[in-house]
């Protein structure tokens, strides 16, 4: 029996099941309160199977976060390829695609929005890398400015554009947790909020 369990712990499918279980557990309990034992029970495996794939809770959290961020990035790229220019219509398409994904993956959204504070340094680095990639992509929706008069005006322009891009990214990801439970946006309809998100995001990027 021990030999059979050892073989099953090595199966690649076990790693995927463990990461998916970790996303759910970390989303419910947060990094500090979750345990390897809880994740193992959620995945239907023994704790030794988790430790075969991951050195500990830190590494497991990072794997769960990486899967969530990669999935979100894939949604964005599928909605607008890197070499495709940005315009208001495409921006609305991208926002809608991310919205739909978050609606069907609430645990993923909770993991990113609620449980990164207090997590590992490496997890924060992954989040920062994710934000930088999306800020860079958001620049595609900002109209090219007139040539700057001097270096100072160029720096101010870049700061304004970066702030607009980061505000857009933050707004797009924070609407969902504010809709949950008795949040401040819970009384608003999905259609109204999605339309408002697209409208406000477009305005933010247009005035950058």
N, C-alpha and C. Protein backbone atom coordinates (compact mmCIF):
# COMPACT_ATOMS: atom_id res chain seq x y z
N UNK A 1 0.83 -1.21 0.00
CA UNK A 1 0.00 0.00 0.00
C UNK A 1 0.87 1.26 0.00
N UNK A 2 1.95 1.27 0.81
CA UNK A 2 2.84 2.42 0.85
C UNK A 2 3.47 2.67 -0.50
N UNK A 3 3.86 1.56 -1.19
CA UNK A 3 4.47 1.71 -2.51
C UNK A 3 3.47 2.27 -3.50
N UNK A 4 2.20 1.85 -3.40
CA UNK A 4 1.16 2.36 -4.29
C UNK A 4 0.95 3.85 -4.06
N UNK A 5 0.94 4.28 -2.77
CA UNK A 5 0.76 5.71 -2.47
C UNK A 5 1.94 6.51 -2.99
N UNK A 6 3.15 5.95 -2.87
CA UNK A 6 4.34 6.66 -3.35
C UNK A 6 4.25 6.90 -4.84
N UNK A 7 3.82 5.90 -5.58
CA UNK A 7 3.69 6.07 -7.03
C UNK A 7 2.64 7.12 -7.36
N UNK A 8 1.49 7.09 -6.64
CA UNK A 8 0.43 8.03 -6.94
C UNK A 8 0.85 9.46 -6.61
N UNK A 9 1.69 9.63 -5.57
CA UNK A 9 2.13 10.97 -5.21
C UNK A 9 3.00 11.57 -6.29
N UNK A 10 3.67 10.72 -7.09
CA UNK A 10 4.57 11.20 -8.11
C UNK A 10 3.85 11.60 -9.39
N UNK A 11 2.61 11.20 -9.55
CA UNK A 11 1.91 11.45 -10.80
C UNK A 11 1.76 12.94 -11.05
N UNK A 12 2.04 13.39 -12.30
CA UNK A 12 1.92 14.83 -12.61
C UNK A 12 0.54 15.39 -12.29
N UNK A 13 -0.50 14.58 -12.45
CA UNK A 13 -1.86 15.06 -12.20
C UNK A 13 -2.05 15.45 -10.74
N UNK A 14 -1.29 14.81 -9.86
CA UNK A 14 -1.39 15.14 -8.43
C UNK A 14 -0.96 16.59 -8.19
N UNK A 15 0.08 17.04 -8.87
CA UNK A 15 0.56 18.40 -8.67
C UNK A 15 -0.51 19.40 -9.06
N UNK A 16 -1.16 19.19 -10.19
CA UNK A 16 -2.20 20.10 -10.65
C UNK A 16 -3.37 20.13 -9.66
N UNK A 17 -3.76 18.95 -9.17
CA UNK A 17 -4.86 18.88 -8.20
C UNK A 17 -4.49 19.59 -6.91
N UNK A 18 -3.25 19.45 -6.50
CA UNK A 18 -2.80 20.10 -5.26
C UNK A 18 -2.80 21.62 -5.42
N UNK A 19 -2.31 22.12 -6.55
CA UNK A 19 -2.29 23.57 -6.78
C UNK A 19 -3.71 24.12 -6.83
N UNK A 20 -4.61 23.44 -7.50
CA UNK A 20 -6.00 23.90 -7.56
C UNK A 20 -6.63 23.90 -6.17
N UNK A 21 -6.33 22.89 -5.38
CA UNK A 21 -6.84 22.84 -4.01
C UNK A 21 -6.24 23.97 -3.18
N UNK A 22 -4.96 24.26 -3.41
CA UNK A 22 -4.31 25.34 -2.67
C UNK A 22 -4.95 26.68 -2.97
N UNK A 23 -5.32 26.91 -4.22
CA UNK A 23 -6.00 28.16 -4.58
C UNK A 23 -7.28 28.32 -3.76
N UNK A 24 -8.05 27.26 -3.67
CA UNK A 24 -9.31 27.32 -2.92
C UNK A 24 -9.06 27.54 -1.43
N UNK A 25 -8.10 26.81 -0.88
CA UNK A 25 -7.84 26.91 0.56
C UNK A 25 -7.26 28.27 0.93
N UNK A 26 -6.27 28.74 0.18
CA UNK A 26 -5.68 30.05 0.47
C UNK A 26 -6.71 31.16 0.28
N UNK A 27 -7.61 31.01 -0.69
CA UNK A 27 -8.66 32.01 -0.90
C UNK A 27 -9.61 32.07 0.30
N UNK A 28 -9.91 30.92 0.89
CA UNK A 28 -10.82 30.88 2.03
C UNK A 28 -10.15 31.31 3.33
N UNK A 29 -8.92 30.85 3.56
CA UNK A 29 -8.30 31.00 4.87
C UNK A 29 -7.17 32.02 4.91
N UNK A 30 -6.62 32.39 3.76
CA UNK A 30 -5.47 33.27 3.74
C UNK A 30 -4.18 32.50 3.95
N UNK A 31 -3.07 33.16 3.70
CA UNK A 31 -1.78 32.48 3.78
C UNK A 31 -1.45 32.06 5.21
N UNK A 32 -1.67 32.94 6.17
CA UNK A 32 -1.26 32.67 7.55
C UNK A 32 -2.01 31.50 8.16
N UNK A 33 -3.30 31.39 7.89
CA UNK A 33 -4.13 30.37 8.56
C UNK A 33 -4.18 29.04 7.83
N UNK A 34 -3.88 29.04 6.54
CA UNK A 34 -3.94 27.78 5.78
C UNK A 34 -2.79 26.86 6.18
N UNK A 35 -2.99 25.57 6.00
CA UNK A 35 -1.95 24.60 6.34
C UNK A 35 -1.81 23.59 5.22
N UNK A 36 -0.67 22.93 5.20
CA UNK A 36 -0.44 21.86 4.23
C UNK A 36 -1.47 20.75 4.42
N UNK A 37 -1.80 20.47 5.66
CA UNK A 37 -2.77 19.41 5.93
C UNK A 37 -4.14 19.74 5.35
N UNK A 38 -4.54 21.00 5.46
CA UNK A 38 -5.84 21.42 4.91
C UNK A 38 -5.84 21.33 3.39
N UNK A 39 -4.75 21.74 2.78
CA UNK A 39 -4.65 21.65 1.32
C UNK A 39 -4.67 20.19 0.88
N UNK A 40 -3.96 19.34 1.59
CA UNK A 40 -3.94 17.92 1.25
C UNK A 40 -5.35 17.32 1.33
N UNK A 41 -6.07 17.66 2.40
CA UNK A 41 -7.44 17.15 2.54
C UNK A 41 -8.33 17.66 1.41
N UNK A 42 -8.16 18.94 1.03
CA UNK A 42 -8.94 19.51 -0.06
C UNK A 42 -8.65 18.81 -1.38
N UNK A 43 -7.38 18.43 -1.58
CA UNK A 43 -6.98 17.76 -2.82
C UNK A 43 -7.25 16.26 -2.80
N UNK A 44 -7.58 15.73 -1.63
CA UNK A 44 -7.83 14.29 -1.52
C UNK A 44 -6.56 13.46 -1.56
N UNK A 45 -5.47 14.02 -1.03
CA UNK A 45 -4.20 13.30 -0.98
C UNK A 45 -3.65 13.37 0.43
N UNK A 46 -2.61 12.58 0.69
CA UNK A 46 -1.93 12.64 1.98
C UNK A 46 -0.97 13.82 1.99
N UNK A 47 -0.67 14.39 3.16
CA UNK A 47 0.29 15.50 3.23
C UNK A 47 1.64 15.16 2.60
N UNK A 48 2.04 13.90 2.67
CA UNK A 48 3.32 13.51 2.05
C UNK A 48 3.30 13.75 0.54
N UNK A 49 2.14 13.64 -0.08
CA UNK A 49 2.04 13.90 -1.52
C UNK A 49 2.27 15.38 -1.81
N UNK A 50 1.80 16.24 -0.93
CA UNK A 50 2.03 17.67 -1.10
C UNK A 50 3.52 17.98 -0.95
N UNK A 51 4.14 17.40 0.07
CA UNK A 51 5.55 17.65 0.31
C UNK A 51 6.44 17.04 -0.76
N UNK A 52 5.94 16.04 -1.49
CA UNK A 52 6.72 15.51 -2.60
C UNK A 52 6.89 16.58 -3.69
N UNK A 53 5.84 17.37 -3.91
CA UNK A 53 5.86 18.38 -4.99
C UNK A 53 6.33 19.75 -4.51
N UNK A 54 6.15 20.06 -3.24
CA UNK A 54 6.45 21.40 -2.74
C UNK A 54 7.22 21.32 -1.43
N UNK A 55 8.20 22.21 -1.27
CA UNK A 55 9.04 22.18 -0.07
C UNK A 55 8.28 22.61 1.17
N UNK A 56 7.26 23.41 1.00
CA UNK A 56 6.49 23.88 2.14
C UNK A 56 5.39 24.83 1.71
N UNK A 57 4.78 25.50 2.67
CA UNK A 57 3.63 26.35 2.39
C UNK A 57 4.00 27.54 1.52
N UNK A 58 5.18 28.11 1.74
CA UNK A 58 5.61 29.25 0.93
C UNK A 58 5.63 28.89 -0.56
N UNK A 59 6.27 27.79 -0.87
CA UNK A 59 6.39 27.37 -2.27
C UNK A 59 5.03 27.02 -2.85
N UNK A 60 4.18 26.42 -2.06
CA UNK A 60 2.84 26.06 -2.52
C UNK A 60 2.02 27.31 -2.81
N UNK A 61 2.09 28.31 -1.95
CA UNK A 61 1.37 29.56 -2.18
C UNK A 61 1.85 30.22 -3.46
N UNK A 62 3.15 30.24 -3.65
CA UNK A 62 3.71 30.86 -4.86
C UNK A 62 3.24 30.13 -6.12
N UNK A 63 3.16 28.80 -6.06
CA UNK A 63 2.67 28.04 -7.21
C UNK A 63 1.20 28.35 -7.49
N UNK A 64 0.41 28.48 -6.42
CA UNK A 64 -1.00 28.80 -6.59
C UNK A 64 -1.16 30.20 -7.19
N UNK A 65 -0.40 31.15 -6.66
CA UNK A 65 -0.48 32.52 -7.18
C UNK A 65 -0.01 32.59 -8.62
N UNK A 66 1.07 31.89 -8.94
CA UNK A 66 1.58 31.89 -10.31
C UNK A 66 0.53 31.35 -11.28
N UNK A 67 -0.16 30.29 -10.89
CA UNK A 67 -1.20 29.73 -11.77
C UNK A 67 -2.32 30.74 -11.99
N UNK A 68 -2.73 31.43 -10.93
CA UNK A 68 -3.80 32.42 -11.06
C UNK A 68 -3.37 33.56 -11.97
N UNK A 69 -2.18 34.11 -11.74
CA UNK A 69 -1.71 35.24 -12.53
C UNK A 69 -1.48 34.85 -13.99
N UNK A 70 -0.97 33.65 -14.22
CA UNK A 70 -0.77 33.18 -15.59
C UNK A 70 -2.10 33.02 -16.31
N UNK A 71 -3.09 32.49 -15.61
CA UNK A 71 -4.42 32.31 -16.22
C UNK A 71 -5.04 33.66 -16.56
N UNK A 72 -4.90 34.64 -15.68
CA UNK A 72 -5.43 35.97 -15.95
C UNK A 72 -4.72 36.61 -17.14
N UNK A 73 -3.42 36.44 -17.19
CA UNK A 73 -2.66 37.01 -18.30
C UNK A 73 -3.08 36.36 -19.62
N UNK A 74 -3.30 35.05 -19.60
CA UNK A 74 -3.73 34.35 -20.81
C UNK A 74 -5.08 34.87 -21.30
N UNK A 75 -5.97 35.20 -20.37
CA UNK A 75 -7.27 35.77 -20.74
C UNK A 75 -7.09 37.11 -21.44
N UNK A 76 -6.21 37.93 -20.90
CA UNK A 76 -5.96 39.25 -21.48
C UNK A 76 -5.35 39.14 -22.87
N UNK A 77 -4.36 38.26 -23.01
CA UNK A 77 -3.69 38.09 -24.30
C UNK A 77 -4.65 37.50 -25.34
N UNK A 78 -5.52 36.60 -24.91
CA UNK A 78 -6.50 36.03 -25.84
C UNK A 78 -7.48 37.10 -26.33
N UNK A 79 -7.75 38.10 -25.48
CA UNK A 79 -8.67 39.17 -25.87
C UNK A 79 -7.98 40.22 -26.74
N UNK A 80 -6.69 40.44 -26.50
CA UNK A 80 -5.91 41.36 -27.34
C UNK A 80 -4.46 40.90 -27.37
N UNK A 81 -4.02 40.49 -28.55
CA UNK A 81 -2.64 40.02 -28.69
C UNK A 81 -1.66 41.17 -28.48
N UNK A 82 -0.42 40.83 -28.14
CA UNK A 82 0.59 41.85 -27.86
C UNK A 82 0.80 42.81 -29.03
N UNK A 83 0.68 42.30 -30.26
CA UNK A 83 0.95 43.14 -31.43
C UNK A 83 -0.31 43.82 -31.97
N UNK A 84 -1.41 43.70 -31.26
CA UNK A 84 -2.66 44.34 -31.69
C UNK A 84 -2.81 45.69 -31.01
N UNK A 85 -3.06 46.76 -31.77
CA UNK A 85 -3.19 48.08 -31.15
C UNK A 85 -4.41 48.15 -30.24
N UNK A 86 -4.36 49.06 -29.29
CA UNK A 86 -5.48 49.22 -28.38
C UNK A 86 -6.39 50.35 -28.81
N UNK A 87 -7.68 50.17 -28.65
CA UNK A 87 -8.65 51.25 -28.87
C UNK A 87 -9.81 51.01 -27.90
N UNK A 88 -10.72 51.96 -27.77
CA UNK A 88 -11.79 51.82 -26.78
C UNK A 88 -12.61 50.54 -26.94
N UNK A 89 -12.87 50.13 -28.17
CA UNK A 89 -13.66 48.92 -28.37
C UNK A 89 -12.92 47.69 -27.86
N UNK A 90 -11.64 47.60 -28.19
CA UNK A 90 -10.84 46.46 -27.73
C UNK A 90 -10.67 46.51 -26.21
N UNK A 91 -10.51 47.71 -25.66
CA UNK A 91 -10.41 47.84 -24.21
C UNK A 91 -11.65 47.26 -23.54
N UNK A 92 -12.81 47.58 -24.06
CA UNK A 92 -14.05 47.03 -23.51
C UNK A 92 -14.09 45.53 -23.62
N UNK A 93 -13.57 44.99 -24.72
CA UNK A 93 -13.54 43.55 -24.92
C UNK A 93 -12.62 42.88 -23.90
N UNK A 94 -11.47 43.50 -23.64
CA UNK A 94 -10.52 42.94 -22.67
C UNK A 94 -11.10 42.98 -21.26
N UNK A 95 -11.69 44.11 -20.88
CA UNK A 95 -12.27 44.23 -19.55
C UNK A 95 -13.39 43.21 -19.36
N UNK A 96 -14.21 43.04 -20.38
CA UNK A 96 -15.31 42.07 -20.29
C UNK A 96 -14.77 40.65 -20.15
N UNK A 97 -13.71 40.32 -20.90
CA UNK A 97 -13.13 38.97 -20.82
C UNK A 97 -12.59 38.69 -19.42
N UNK A 98 -11.88 39.66 -18.84
CA UNK A 98 -11.36 39.48 -17.49
C UNK A 98 -12.50 39.39 -16.48
N UNK A 99 -13.51 40.22 -16.67
CA UNK A 99 -14.68 40.20 -15.78
C UNK A 99 -15.32 38.82 -15.78
N UNK A 100 -15.57 38.27 -16.96
CA UNK A 100 -16.20 36.95 -17.05
C UNK A 100 -15.34 35.88 -16.39
N UNK A 101 -14.02 35.99 -16.57
CA UNK A 101 -13.13 34.99 -15.97
C UNK A 101 -13.18 35.07 -14.45
N UNK A 102 -13.15 36.28 -13.91
CA UNK A 102 -13.22 36.44 -12.46
C UNK A 102 -14.55 35.97 -11.90
N UNK A 103 -15.62 36.15 -12.68
CA UNK A 103 -16.93 35.68 -12.25
C UNK A 103 -16.95 34.17 -12.09
N UNK A 104 -16.25 33.46 -12.96
CA UNK A 104 -16.24 32.00 -12.92
C UNK A 104 -15.08 31.44 -12.09
N UNK A 105 -14.19 32.31 -11.61
CA UNK A 105 -13.06 31.89 -10.78
C UNK A 105 -12.97 32.79 -9.55
N UNK A 106 -13.99 32.78 -8.70
CA UNK A 106 -13.99 33.69 -7.54
C UNK A 106 -12.84 33.44 -6.57
N UNK A 107 -12.42 32.17 -6.44
CA UNK A 107 -11.30 31.89 -5.54
C UNK A 107 -10.03 32.56 -6.02
N UNK A 108 -9.83 32.56 -7.34
CA UNK A 108 -8.64 33.20 -7.90
C UNK A 108 -8.64 34.69 -7.60
N UNK A 109 -9.79 35.33 -7.77
CA UNK A 109 -9.89 36.75 -7.46
C UNK A 109 -9.65 37.04 -5.99
N UNK A 110 -10.19 36.19 -5.12
CA UNK A 110 -10.00 36.39 -3.69
C UNK A 110 -8.53 36.23 -3.31
N UNK A 111 -7.85 35.28 -3.93
CA UNK A 111 -6.44 35.06 -3.64
C UNK A 111 -5.62 36.29 -3.96
N UNK A 112 -5.87 36.90 -5.12
CA UNK A 112 -5.10 38.06 -5.54
C UNK A 112 -5.47 39.30 -4.74
N UNK A 113 -6.74 39.51 -4.48
CA UNK A 113 -7.18 40.76 -3.88
C UNK A 113 -7.09 40.81 -2.36
N UNK A 114 -7.16 39.65 -1.71
CA UNK A 114 -7.27 39.66 -0.25
C UNK A 114 -6.07 39.08 0.49
N UNK A 115 -5.35 38.17 -0.14
CA UNK A 115 -4.42 37.37 0.65
C UNK A 115 -2.95 37.52 0.30
N UNK A 116 -2.62 38.50 -0.55
CA UNK A 116 -1.20 38.76 -0.79
C UNK A 116 -0.52 39.48 0.38
N UNK A 117 -1.18 40.43 1.04
CA UNK A 117 -0.53 41.05 2.20
C UNK A 117 -0.18 40.00 3.26
N UNK A 118 1.05 40.02 3.70
CA UNK A 118 1.48 39.06 4.71
C UNK A 118 1.99 37.76 4.13
N UNK A 119 1.91 37.61 2.80
CA UNK A 119 2.42 36.39 2.18
C UNK A 119 3.92 36.53 1.96
N UNK A 120 4.48 35.66 1.14
CA UNK A 120 5.92 35.61 0.99
C UNK A 120 6.47 36.75 0.14
N UNK A 121 7.74 37.03 0.31
CA UNK A 121 8.40 38.04 -0.49
C UNK A 121 8.36 37.66 -1.96
N UNK A 122 8.56 36.39 -2.25
CA UNK A 122 8.53 35.92 -3.63
C UNK A 122 7.13 36.09 -4.23
N UNK A 123 6.10 35.89 -3.45
CA UNK A 123 4.74 36.09 -3.94
C UNK A 123 4.51 37.55 -4.31
N UNK A 124 5.03 38.45 -3.47
CA UNK A 124 4.90 39.87 -3.79
C UNK A 124 5.65 40.22 -5.07
N UNK A 125 6.80 39.58 -5.27
CA UNK A 125 7.57 39.82 -6.49
C UNK A 125 6.80 39.34 -7.72
N UNK A 126 6.12 38.21 -7.60
CA UNK A 126 5.30 37.72 -8.71
C UNK A 126 4.17 38.70 -9.02
N UNK A 127 3.55 39.23 -7.98
CA UNK A 127 2.48 40.20 -8.17
C UNK A 127 3.00 41.47 -8.83
N UNK A 128 4.17 41.93 -8.39
CA UNK A 128 4.76 43.14 -8.98
C UNK A 128 5.08 42.93 -10.46
N UNK A 129 5.60 41.75 -10.78
CA UNK A 129 5.91 41.43 -12.18
C UNK A 129 4.65 41.41 -13.03
N UNK A 130 3.59 40.84 -12.49
CA UNK A 130 2.29 40.79 -13.17
C UNK A 130 1.77 42.20 -13.43
N UNK A 131 1.86 43.06 -12.42
CA UNK A 131 1.37 44.43 -12.57
C UNK A 131 2.18 45.20 -13.61
N UNK A 132 3.50 45.01 -13.61
CA UNK A 132 4.34 45.72 -14.58
C UNK A 132 3.97 45.31 -16.01
N UNK A 133 3.72 44.03 -16.23
CA UNK A 133 3.34 43.56 -17.58
C UNK A 133 2.04 44.20 -18.02
N UNK A 134 1.08 44.28 -17.11
CA UNK A 134 -0.21 44.82 -17.50
C UNK A 134 -0.19 46.34 -17.61
N UNK A 135 0.63 46.99 -16.82
CA UNK A 135 0.79 48.43 -16.98
C UNK A 135 1.38 48.72 -18.35
N UNK A 136 2.38 47.94 -18.76
CA UNK A 136 2.98 48.12 -20.08
C UNK A 136 1.95 47.91 -21.18
N UNK A 137 1.09 46.92 -21.02
CA UNK A 137 0.05 46.67 -22.02
C UNK A 137 -0.98 47.80 -22.04
N UNK A 138 -1.25 48.38 -20.87
CA UNK A 138 -2.24 49.45 -20.79
C UNK A 138 -1.82 50.69 -21.57
N UNK A 139 -0.51 50.87 -21.77
CA UNK A 139 -0.02 52.03 -22.52
C UNK A 139 -0.53 52.01 -23.96
N UNK A 140 -0.90 50.82 -24.46
CA UNK A 140 -1.40 50.74 -25.83
C UNK A 140 -2.71 51.49 -26.01
N UNK A 141 -3.43 51.73 -24.90
CA UNK A 141 -4.72 52.43 -24.99
C UNK A 141 -4.58 53.93 -24.81
N UNK A 142 -3.38 54.40 -24.53
CA UNK A 142 -3.14 55.83 -24.31
C UNK A 142 -2.68 56.45 -25.62
N UNK A 143 -3.35 57.52 -26.05
CA UNK A 143 -3.01 58.17 -27.32
C UNK A 143 -1.60 58.74 -27.26
N UNK A 144 -0.83 58.62 -28.33
CA UNK A 144 0.53 59.18 -28.35
C UNK A 144 0.49 60.68 -28.11
N UNK A 145 1.28 61.17 -27.19
CA UNK A 145 1.26 62.61 -26.89
C UNK A 145 2.08 63.40 -27.89
N UNK A 146 1.91 64.71 -27.86
CA UNK A 146 2.77 65.58 -28.65
C UNK A 146 4.19 65.50 -28.09
N UNK A 147 5.20 65.74 -28.92
CA UNK A 147 6.58 65.67 -28.45
C UNK A 147 6.78 66.59 -27.25
N UNK A 148 7.44 66.11 -26.18
CA UNK A 148 7.64 66.95 -24.99
C UNK A 148 8.56 68.12 -25.28
N UNK A 149 8.34 69.23 -24.59
CA UNK A 149 9.15 70.42 -24.79
C UNK A 149 10.54 70.27 -24.17
N UNK A 150 10.60 69.51 -23.07
CA UNK A 150 11.89 69.31 -22.41
C UNK A 150 11.86 68.01 -21.61
N UNK A 151 12.99 67.70 -21.00
CA UNK A 151 13.09 66.44 -20.26
C UNK A 151 12.13 66.39 -19.09
N UNK A 152 11.93 67.53 -18.43
CA UNK A 152 11.03 67.57 -17.28
C UNK A 152 9.60 67.27 -17.69
N UNK A 153 9.15 67.86 -18.79
CA UNK A 153 7.78 67.60 -19.24
C UNK A 153 7.62 66.16 -19.70
N UNK A 154 8.68 65.57 -20.27
CA UNK A 154 8.63 64.17 -20.67
C UNK A 154 8.48 63.27 -19.46
N UNK A 155 9.21 63.58 -18.38
CA UNK A 155 9.13 62.79 -17.16
C UNK A 155 7.75 62.91 -16.52
N UNK A 156 7.20 64.13 -16.54
CA UNK A 156 5.86 64.34 -15.97
C UNK A 156 4.82 63.58 -16.77
N UNK A 157 4.97 63.58 -18.09
CA UNK A 157 4.04 62.86 -18.95
C UNK A 157 4.10 61.35 -18.68
N UNK A 158 5.30 60.83 -18.54
CA UNK A 158 5.45 59.40 -18.28
C UNK A 158 4.84 59.04 -16.92
N UNK A 159 5.04 59.90 -15.93
CA UNK A 159 4.46 59.64 -14.62
C UNK A 159 2.94 59.64 -14.68
N UNK A 160 2.37 60.59 -15.44
CA UNK A 160 0.93 60.66 -15.58
C UNK A 160 0.36 59.41 -16.25
N UNK A 161 1.04 58.95 -17.30
CA UNK A 161 0.59 57.77 -18.02
C UNK A 161 0.70 56.51 -17.15
N UNK A 162 1.79 56.42 -16.40
CA UNK A 162 1.97 55.26 -15.53
C UNK A 162 0.91 55.23 -14.44
N UNK A 163 0.62 56.40 -13.86
CA UNK A 163 -0.42 56.48 -12.83
C UNK A 163 -1.78 56.08 -13.41
N UNK A 164 -2.08 56.56 -14.61
CA UNK A 164 -3.35 56.21 -15.24
C UNK A 164 -3.44 54.70 -15.49
N UNK A 165 -2.35 54.12 -15.98
CA UNK A 165 -2.34 52.68 -16.27
C UNK A 165 -2.52 51.88 -14.99
N UNK A 166 -1.82 52.27 -13.93
CA UNK A 166 -1.94 51.54 -12.67
C UNK A 166 -3.32 51.71 -12.05
N UNK A 167 -3.91 52.91 -12.20
CA UNK A 167 -5.26 53.14 -11.68
C UNK A 167 -6.26 52.25 -12.41
N UNK A 168 -6.09 52.15 -13.72
CA UNK A 168 -6.97 51.29 -14.52
C UNK A 168 -6.86 49.83 -14.08
N UNK A 169 -5.63 49.32 -13.91
CA UNK A 169 -5.42 47.94 -13.49
C UNK A 169 -6.04 47.69 -12.11
N UNK A 170 -5.79 48.61 -11.19
CA UNK A 170 -6.34 48.45 -9.85
C UNK A 170 -7.86 48.47 -9.83
N UNK A 171 -8.44 49.38 -10.60
CA UNK A 171 -9.89 49.49 -10.67
C UNK A 171 -10.50 48.21 -11.22
N UNK A 172 -9.91 47.67 -12.28
CA UNK A 172 -10.46 46.49 -12.93
C UNK A 172 -10.45 45.26 -12.03
N UNK A 173 -9.49 45.19 -11.12
CA UNK A 173 -9.40 44.01 -10.26
C UNK A 173 -10.12 44.18 -8.93
N UNK A 174 -10.41 45.41 -8.52
CA UNK A 174 -11.02 45.64 -7.21
C UNK A 174 -12.55 45.68 -7.24
N UNK A 175 -13.13 45.78 -8.42
CA UNK A 175 -14.59 45.85 -8.48
C UNK A 175 -15.22 44.57 -7.94
N UNK A 176 -14.65 43.41 -8.28
CA UNK A 176 -15.27 42.14 -7.88
C UNK A 176 -15.33 41.94 -6.36
N UNK A 177 -14.24 42.17 -5.62
CA UNK A 177 -14.38 42.02 -4.17
C UNK A 177 -15.35 43.02 -3.56
N UNK A 178 -15.52 44.18 -4.17
CA UNK A 178 -16.48 45.16 -3.65
C UNK A 178 -17.92 44.76 -3.94
N UNK A 179 -18.09 43.82 -4.88
CA UNK A 179 -19.44 43.31 -5.18
C UNK A 179 -19.82 42.16 -4.26
N UNK A 180 -18.84 41.52 -3.65
CA UNK A 180 -19.09 40.31 -2.88
C UNK A 180 -19.81 40.62 -1.57
N UNK A 181 -20.65 39.67 -1.13
CA UNK A 181 -21.33 39.77 0.15
C UNK A 181 -22.09 41.06 0.30
N UNK A 182 -21.77 41.78 1.37
CA UNK A 182 -22.43 43.07 1.62
C UNK A 182 -21.49 44.22 1.29
N UNK A 183 -20.65 44.02 0.28
CA UNK A 183 -19.70 45.05 -0.14
C UNK A 183 -20.39 46.30 -0.63
N UNK A 184 -19.64 47.38 -0.80
CA UNK A 184 -20.24 48.67 -1.17
C UNK A 184 -20.89 48.69 -2.55
N UNK A 185 -20.56 47.72 -3.41
CA UNK A 185 -21.16 47.68 -4.74
C UNK A 185 -22.13 46.52 -4.92
N UNK A 186 -22.46 45.85 -3.83
CA UNK A 186 -23.29 44.64 -3.91
C UNK A 186 -24.69 44.92 -4.46
N UNK A 187 -25.21 46.12 -4.24
CA UNK A 187 -26.57 46.43 -4.67
C UNK A 187 -26.66 46.76 -6.15
N UNK A 188 -25.53 46.94 -6.82
CA UNK A 188 -25.53 47.31 -8.22
C UNK A 188 -25.58 46.08 -9.11
N UNK A 189 -26.25 46.21 -10.26
CA UNK A 189 -26.35 45.09 -11.18
C UNK A 189 -25.02 44.86 -11.88
N UNK A 190 -24.82 43.62 -12.28
CA UNK A 190 -23.58 43.27 -13.00
C UNK A 190 -23.45 44.08 -14.28
N UNK A 191 -24.55 44.21 -15.02
CA UNK A 191 -24.52 44.94 -16.28
C UNK A 191 -24.12 46.39 -16.08
N UNK A 192 -24.70 47.03 -15.05
CA UNK A 192 -24.39 48.44 -14.79
C UNK A 192 -22.94 48.61 -14.37
N UNK A 193 -22.45 47.72 -13.52
CA UNK A 193 -21.07 47.84 -13.05
C UNK A 193 -20.06 47.58 -14.16
N UNK A 194 -20.33 46.59 -14.99
CA UNK A 194 -19.42 46.30 -16.09
C UNK A 194 -19.38 47.48 -17.06
N UNK A 195 -20.55 48.01 -17.38
CA UNK A 195 -20.58 49.18 -18.26
C UNK A 195 -19.88 50.37 -17.64
N UNK A 196 -20.09 50.58 -16.35
CA UNK A 196 -19.42 51.69 -15.67
C UNK A 196 -17.92 51.49 -15.62
N UNK A 197 -17.46 50.26 -15.41
CA UNK A 197 -16.04 49.98 -15.37
C UNK A 197 -15.38 50.28 -16.71
N UNK A 198 -16.03 49.87 -17.78
CA UNK A 198 -15.48 50.14 -19.12
C UNK A 198 -15.44 51.65 -19.38
N UNK A 199 -16.51 52.34 -19.03
CA UNK A 199 -16.58 53.78 -19.27
C UNK A 199 -15.51 54.53 -18.47
N UNK A 200 -15.40 54.23 -17.17
CA UNK A 200 -14.42 54.92 -16.33
C UNK A 200 -12.99 54.59 -16.76
N UNK A 201 -12.74 53.32 -17.10
CA UNK A 201 -11.40 52.94 -17.54
C UNK A 201 -11.01 53.67 -18.81
N UNK A 202 -11.96 53.77 -19.74
CA UNK A 202 -11.69 54.49 -20.98
C UNK A 202 -11.36 55.95 -20.71
N UNK A 203 -12.12 56.58 -19.80
CA UNK A 203 -11.88 57.98 -19.48
C UNK A 203 -10.50 58.17 -18.81
N UNK A 204 -10.15 57.26 -17.92
CA UNK A 204 -8.86 57.36 -17.23
C UNK A 204 -7.72 57.31 -18.23
N UNK A 205 -7.79 56.40 -19.18
CA UNK A 205 -6.70 56.24 -20.13
C UNK A 205 -6.71 57.32 -21.19
N UNK A 206 -7.88 57.88 -21.49
CA UNK A 206 -7.95 58.94 -22.50
C UNK A 206 -7.33 60.25 -22.00
N UNK A 207 -7.46 60.51 -20.71
CA UNK A 207 -6.97 61.80 -20.19
C UNK A 207 -5.52 61.73 -19.73
N UNK A 208 -4.91 60.55 -19.81
CA UNK A 208 -3.51 60.42 -19.35
C UNK A 208 -2.59 61.30 -20.17
